[in-house]
């Protein structure tokens, strides 16, 4: 049967249109993280999505998967390296097991007293040089995102160092955090973040450490009777992207990603303290957890017990790096 010229024209037009449609398909960025949407990280991820999609006029689509919907925190870095996801914002402790042990310096207890001291490091030359160390792992480091200062919780009051003795305390996989808990006489238990609520509920672990936004949004106040505002450590994240994917972006789209990263970082870091303050107020209002503020003497006792971890971890995180951070923040452990 002969094909009419009209039908041929339609077939050609359809093929051309189909090709154009395929060419117009958006580039998809899968962004996986392990916390709730209403945490500082969760909100910053949504803000990034909004900025990228708006600026690229639909050429980039960002799919955000919160609350370990795609991968648990033990799995997500490997997933990024394999290209199963394109972006993550893992906590800084996650890079130690990956082989970039310097990032565990952020786990050192009482290294920072406030956000300003944190930002002198994360937003300065030290932070940029640390992000570059990820490139050998097939990862491009884009920015540091704040969560906040960590508090201790358990089903018994935690007022003095002696109160931690024998407690099973959940930690992330970090040699520094392991040493921290042992310095308090506690037994560190490495566990995925998504498993912590049930472990606390069933007594598999006795307590944990968290910034307030994580503690509240994961409903840990429902299964922890006591919370002590120790502000003993910092929890932050590195916003990262698969290097091969990032390097392969057209230059104009890469610029859009970069600008959106900066805006999302400014937004997320601005709201981090505010969100943690709101979470603390919500925990107090719930009446389910007793919130305790240590006395100056109790805080100093804890600080003396934990700052010893700095020298214990010199070989792991790098003595020179620790000294650089001391210089930036003005911290002097000899004055304790």
Protein backbone atom coordinates (compact mmCIF):
# COMPACT_ATOMS: atom_id res chain seq x y z
CA UNK A 1 0.00 0.00 0.00
CA UNK A 2 1.32 3.42 -0.90
CA UNK A 3 1.65 5.95 1.87
CA UNK A 4 0.16 9.31 0.99
CA UNK A 5 2.33 12.43 1.05
CA UNK A 6 0.03 13.85 3.72
CA UNK A 7 0.56 10.83 5.96
CA UNK A 8 4.31 10.95 5.33
CA UNK A 9 4.35 14.61 6.31
CA UNK A 10 2.43 13.85 9.48
CA UNK A 11 4.82 11.03 10.38
CA UNK A 12 7.85 13.26 9.81
CA UNK A 13 6.28 16.07 11.80
CA UNK A 14 5.46 13.66 14.61
CA UNK A 15 9.02 12.39 14.70
CA UNK A 16 10.40 15.92 14.80
CA UNK A 17 7.92 16.97 17.48
CA UNK A 18 8.73 13.85 19.49
CA UNK A 19 12.43 14.65 19.25
CA UNK A 20 11.84 18.19 20.40
CA UNK A 21 9.74 16.92 23.30
CA UNK A 22 12.51 14.53 24.32
CA UNK A 23 15.04 17.34 24.09
CA UNK A 24 12.81 19.46 26.30
CA UNK A 25 12.57 16.88 29.09
CA UNK A 26 13.84 18.48 32.29
CA UNK A 27 17.05 17.46 34.00
CA UNK A 28 16.01 15.75 37.24
CA UNK A 29 17.87 16.26 40.51
CA UNK A 30 16.88 13.72 43.13
CA UNK A 31 17.61 15.24 46.54
CA UNK A 32 17.40 12.74 49.40
CA UNK A 33 17.65 13.49 53.12
CA UNK A 34 16.77 11.77 56.39
CA UNK A 35 14.97 14.42 58.44
CA UNK A 36 11.48 15.93 58.44
CA UNK A 37 10.39 18.66 56.03
CA UNK A 38 9.85 21.17 58.85
CA UNK A 39 13.45 21.00 60.12
CA UNK A 40 16.00 23.63 59.01
CA UNK A 41 17.49 21.17 56.50
CA UNK A 42 14.08 20.12 55.26
CA UNK A 43 12.99 23.71 54.71
CA UNK A 44 16.27 24.65 53.03
CA UNK A 45 15.91 21.70 50.63
CA UNK A 46 12.40 22.84 49.66
CA UNK A 47 13.67 26.40 49.22
CA UNK A 48 16.46 25.15 46.94
CA UNK A 49 13.90 23.22 44.85
CA UNK A 50 11.72 26.31 44.47
CA UNK A 51 14.64 28.54 43.46
CA UNK A 52 16.14 26.10 40.91
CA UNK A 53 12.84 25.29 39.23
CA UNK A 54 11.84 28.94 39.03
CA UNK A 55 15.19 30.19 37.73
CA UNK A 56 15.59 27.38 35.19
CA UNK A 57 12.01 27.87 33.92
CA UNK A 58 11.36 24.15 34.14
CA UNK A 59 14.63 22.96 32.59
CA UNK A 60 15.60 21.46 35.95
CA UNK A 61 13.21 19.52 38.17
CA UNK A 62 14.17 18.88 41.78
CA UNK A 63 12.58 15.91 43.53
CA UNK A 64 13.03 16.12 47.30
CA UNK A 65 12.70 12.90 49.33
CA UNK A 66 12.68 13.63 53.10
CA UNK A 67 12.52 11.33 56.13
CA UNK A 68 14.66 8.53 54.65
CA UNK A 69 12.02 7.85 51.97
CA UNK A 70 14.71 6.72 49.52
CA UNK A 71 17.75 5.86 51.61
CA UNK A 72 18.72 5.63 55.27
CA UNK A 73 21.68 7.71 56.39
CA UNK A 74 23.98 4.66 56.24
CA UNK A 75 23.13 4.15 52.57
CA UNK A 76 22.77 7.60 51.06
CA UNK A 77 26.43 8.45 50.39
CA UNK A 78 26.95 5.26 48.41
CA UNK A 79 23.72 6.01 46.52
CA UNK A 80 25.09 9.44 45.60
CA UNK A 81 28.40 8.03 44.41
CA UNK A 82 26.56 5.48 42.27
CA UNK A 83 24.30 8.18 40.80
CA UNK A 84 21.06 6.79 42.29
CA UNK A 85 20.51 10.29 43.72
CA UNK A 86 22.18 13.52 42.68
CA UNK A 87 22.11 15.60 45.89
CA UNK A 88 22.33 15.03 49.63
CA UNK A 89 22.88 17.06 52.76
CA UNK A 90 24.34 14.48 55.17
CA UNK A 91 25.52 15.37 58.63
CA UNK A 92 29.22 16.08 58.77
CA UNK A 93 29.91 12.94 60.81
CA UNK A 94 29.02 10.82 57.76
CA UNK A 95 32.24 11.70 55.93
CA UNK A 96 34.55 10.00 58.42
CA UNK A 97 33.45 6.47 57.46
CA UNK A 98 33.75 7.55 53.82
CA UNK A 99 37.45 8.16 54.42
CA UNK A 100 37.48 11.95 54.82
CA UNK A 101 38.16 11.89 58.55
CA UNK A 102 38.82 15.62 58.82
CA UNK A 103 35.07 16.27 58.83
CA UNK A 104 34.80 14.59 62.22
CA UNK A 105 36.45 17.69 63.68
CA UNK A 106 32.94 19.19 63.78
CA UNK A 107 31.94 16.43 66.21
CA UNK A 108 34.48 17.58 68.81
CA UNK A 109 32.55 18.56 71.95
CA UNK A 110 32.54 22.21 73.00
CA UNK A 111 34.52 23.25 69.92
CA UNK A 112 32.00 26.03 69.18
CA UNK A 113 30.02 28.17 71.60
CA UNK A 114 27.71 29.78 69.05
CA UNK A 115 26.77 30.07 65.38
CA UNK A 116 29.18 32.96 64.76
CA UNK A 117 32.12 30.76 65.70
CA UNK A 118 30.80 27.97 63.48
CA UNK A 119 30.47 30.31 60.50
CA UNK A 120 34.03 31.60 60.85
CA UNK A 121 35.05 28.05 59.96
CA UNK A 122 32.35 26.81 57.59
CA UNK A 123 32.10 30.01 55.56
CA UNK A 124 35.81 30.75 55.48
CA UNK A 125 38.93 29.23 53.91
CA UNK A 126 38.95 26.24 56.28
CA UNK A 127 35.48 25.19 55.20
CA UNK A 128 36.22 25.59 51.49
CA UNK A 129 39.41 23.52 51.73
CA UNK A 130 37.49 20.76 53.51
CA UNK A 131 34.77 20.64 50.84
CA UNK A 132 37.45 20.22 48.17
CA UNK A 133 38.66 17.04 49.88
CA UNK A 134 35.40 15.37 48.80
CA UNK A 135 36.23 15.57 45.10
CA UNK A 136 38.46 12.50 45.26
CA UNK A 137 35.35 10.56 46.33
CA UNK A 138 33.35 11.64 43.28
CA UNK A 139 31.53 14.31 45.27
CA UNK A 140 31.36 18.08 44.83
CA UNK A 141 30.87 19.98 48.08
CA UNK A 142 28.58 22.97 47.58
CA UNK A 143 27.99 24.49 51.03
CA UNK A 144 27.66 23.94 54.76
CA UNK A 145 24.18 24.04 56.29
CA UNK A 146 23.47 24.59 59.98
CA UNK A 147 21.17 22.63 62.17
CA UNK A 148 22.19 23.65 65.64
CA UNK A 149 23.82 22.95 68.95
CA UNK A 150 23.07 19.55 70.47
CA UNK A 151 21.31 18.68 73.71
CA UNK A 152 21.39 15.45 75.73
CA UNK A 153 18.28 13.41 76.52
CA UNK A 154 17.49 10.25 78.49
CA UNK A 155 14.82 8.70 80.69
CA UNK A 156 16.64 9.88 83.81
CA UNK A 157 17.85 13.35 84.85
CA UNK A 158 21.23 14.31 83.36
CA UNK A 159 22.71 16.95 85.67
CA UNK A 160 26.27 15.81 86.30
CA UNK A 161 28.85 13.73 84.45
CA UNK A 162 28.16 10.84 86.84
CA UNK A 163 24.55 10.68 85.59
CA UNK A 164 25.72 9.37 82.19
CA UNK A 165 27.57 6.38 83.59
CA UNK A 166 26.38 3.13 82.02
CA UNK A 167 23.72 4.70 79.78
CA UNK A 168 23.32 3.34 76.25
CA UNK A 169 23.47 6.51 74.15
CA UNK A 170 22.72 6.55 70.43
CA UNK A 171 25.31 8.25 68.25
CA UNK A 172 26.10 8.62 64.57
CA UNK A 173 28.97 6.56 63.20
CA UNK A 174 31.83 8.78 64.37
CA UNK A 175 34.98 7.88 66.29
CA UNK A 176 34.83 11.33 67.87
CA UNK A 177 31.27 10.87 69.13
CA UNK A 178 32.21 7.41 70.38
CA UNK A 179 35.05 8.96 72.40
CA UNK A 180 32.71 11.71 73.63
CA UNK A 181 30.23 9.27 75.15
CA UNK A 182 32.97 7.11 76.63
CA UNK A 183 34.46 10.21 78.27
CA UNK A 184 31.11 10.61 80.07
CA UNK A 185 31.07 6.95 81.11
CA UNK A 186 28.25 6.12 78.70
CA UNK A 187 28.07 3.25 76.20
CA UNK A 188 27.83 4.60 72.63
CA UNK A 189 25.43 2.84 70.26
CA UNK A 190 25.73 3.55 66.51
CA UNK A 191 22.30 3.61 64.87
CA UNK A 192 20.57 5.02 61.79
CA UNK A 193 18.60 8.18 62.49
CA UNK A 194 15.36 6.65 61.19
CA UNK A 195 15.60 3.89 63.82
CA UNK A 196 16.15 6.09 66.87
CA UNK A 197 12.53 6.75 67.92
CA UNK A 198 11.67 3.06 68.11
CA UNK A 199 14.95 2.27 69.85
CA UNK A 200 14.20 4.88 72.51
CA UNK A 201 10.60 3.68 72.80
CA UNK A 202 11.60 0.05 73.33
CA UNK A 203 14.62 0.72 75.53
CA UNK A 204 17.21 -0.55 73.05
CA UNK A 205 18.98 2.72 73.85
CA UNK A 206 18.52 4.95 76.90
CA UNK A 207 19.15 8.33 75.36
CA UNK A 208 20.71 10.37 72.60
CA UNK A 209 22.02 13.79 71.54
CA UNK A 210 20.21 16.07 69.10
CA UNK A 211 19.55 19.66 68.16
CA UNK A 212 16.06 20.62 69.29
CA UNK A 213 14.51 20.64 65.80
CA UNK A 214 15.44 16.99 65.26
CA UNK A 215 14.39 16.02 68.78
CA UNK A 216 10.93 17.56 68.37
CA UNK A 217 10.11 16.73 64.74
CA UNK A 218 11.05 13.08 65.30
CA UNK A 219 8.75 13.07 68.37
CA UNK A 220 11.55 11.97 70.67
CA UNK A 221 9.96 14.04 73.44
CA UNK A 222 7.25 11.36 73.52
CA UNK A 223 9.79 8.69 74.52
CA UNK A 224 12.35 10.69 76.53
CA UNK A 225 11.44 11.93 79.99
CA UNK A 226 14.42 14.27 80.47
CA UNK A 227 16.29 16.75 78.30
CA UNK A 228 19.33 18.77 79.40
CA UNK A 229 20.33 21.91 77.48
CA UNK A 230 24.03 21.12 77.29
CA UNK A 231 24.83 22.87 73.96
CA UNK A 232 27.84 20.56 73.99
CA UNK A 233 28.28 20.00 70.27
CA UNK A 234 27.39 21.21 66.81
CA UNK A 235 25.35 19.37 64.20
CA UNK A 236 25.69 20.64 60.67
CA UNK A 237 25.43 19.30 57.16
CA UNK A 238 27.37 19.48 53.91
CA UNK A 239 25.26 20.09 50.83
CA UNK A 240 26.81 17.84 48.20
CA UNK A 241 26.19 16.75 44.63
CA UNK A 242 27.43 13.90 42.46
CA UNK A 243 30.56 15.34 40.80
CA UNK A 244 30.05 13.71 37.41
CA UNK A 245 26.45 14.95 37.27
CA UNK A 246 27.42 18.46 38.37
CA UNK A 247 30.34 18.72 35.94
CA UNK A 248 28.05 17.57 33.12
CA UNK A 249 25.50 20.34 33.59
CA UNK A 250 25.35 23.03 30.88
CA UNK A 251 27.17 26.13 32.15
CA UNK A 252 24.00 28.23 32.40
CA UNK A 253 22.21 25.58 34.45
CA UNK A 254 25.25 25.06 36.67
CA UNK A 255 25.18 28.78 37.40
CA UNK A 256 21.50 28.51 38.34
CA UNK A 257 22.30 25.65 40.71
CA UNK A 258 25.15 27.65 42.27
CA UNK A 259 23.02 30.76 42.82
CA UNK A 260 20.19 28.66 44.24
CA UNK A 261 22.61 26.91 46.59
CA UNK A 262 23.77 30.24 47.96
CA UNK A 263 20.22 31.46 48.47
CA UNK A 264 19.10 28.22 50.12
CA UNK A 265 22.18 28.27 52.37
CA UNK A 266 21.49 31.85 53.49
CA UNK A 267 17.83 30.97 54.07
CA UNK A 268 18.48 27.73 55.93
CA UNK A 269 21.23 29.09 58.15
CA UNK A 270 19.12 32.12 59.00
CA UNK A 271 16.19 30.03 60.24
CA UNK A 272 18.21 27.30 61.99
CA UNK A 273 18.41 28.94 65.42
CA UNK A 274 14.84 30.19 65.17
CA UNK A 275 13.53 26.69 64.37
CA UNK A 276 15.46 25.15 67.25
CA UNK A 277 14.08 27.79 69.62
CA UNK A 278 10.55 27.03 68.40
CA UNK A 279 11.13 23.30 68.89
CA UNK A 280 12.35 23.86 72.45
CA UNK A 281 9.23 25.89 73.24
CA UNK A 282 7.05 23.13 71.75
CA UNK A 283 8.77 20.44 73.83
CA UNK A 284 8.25 22.49 76.99
CA UNK A 285 4.60 23.09 76.08
CA UNK A 286 4.00 19.36 75.53
CA UNK A 287 4.70 18.66 79.18
CA UNK A 288 6.07 15.23 78.26
CA UNK A 289 9.75 15.99 78.81
CA UNK A 290 11.36 17.79 81.72
CA UNK A 291 13.82 20.40 80.39
CA UNK A 292 16.82 21.17 82.58
CA UNK A 293 19.33 24.02 82.30
CA UNK A 294 22.71 23.10 83.84
CA UNK A 295 24.29 25.38 86.39
CA UNK A 296 27.57 27.09 85.51
CA UNK A 297 29.42 24.58 87.69
CA UNK A 298 27.71 21.59 86.07
CA UNK A 299 28.43 22.89 82.58
CA UNK A 300 32.08 23.51 83.46
CA UNK A 301 32.39 19.98 84.86
CA UNK A 302 31.02 18.54 81.62
CA UNK A 303 33.24 20.77 79.54
CA UNK A 304 36.37 19.63 81.37
CA UNK A 305 35.38 15.98 80.93
CA UNK A 306 34.73 16.35 77.21
CA UNK A 307 37.44 18.72 76.00
CA UNK A 308 39.94 15.92 76.69
CA UNK A 309 38.48 14.29 73.57
CA UNK A 310 40.13 17.01 71.44
CA UNK A 311 43.65 15.77 72.16
CA UNK A 312 42.54 12.11 71.94
CA UNK A 313 41.33 12.74 68.37
CA UNK A 314 44.33 14.80 67.14
CA UNK A 315 45.67 11.92 65.08
CA UNK A 316 42.28 11.21 63.51
CA UNK A 317 41.04 14.67 62.52
CA UNK A 318 44.45 16.35 62.24
CA UNK A 319 46.22 18.43 64.85
CA UNK A 320 46.88 21.27 62.39
CA UNK A 321 43.17 21.51 61.54
CA UNK A 322 42.20 21.64 65.21
CA UNK A 323 44.74 24.42 65.81
CA UNK A 324 43.43 26.38 62.80
CA UNK A 325 39.91 26.22 64.23
CA UNK A 326 41.10 27.25 67.68
CA UNK A 327 42.73 30.28 66.04
CA UNK A 328 39.53 31.22 64.19
CA UNK A 329 37.27 30.89 67.23
CA UNK A 330 39.64 32.03 69.96
CA UNK A 331 39.22 28.80 71.93
CA UNK A 332 41.96 27.88 74.40
CA UNK A 333 41.51 24.54 76.18
CA UNK A 334 44.34 25.41 78.57
CA UNK A 335 42.11 28.04 80.20
CA UNK A 336 39.55 25.50 81.40
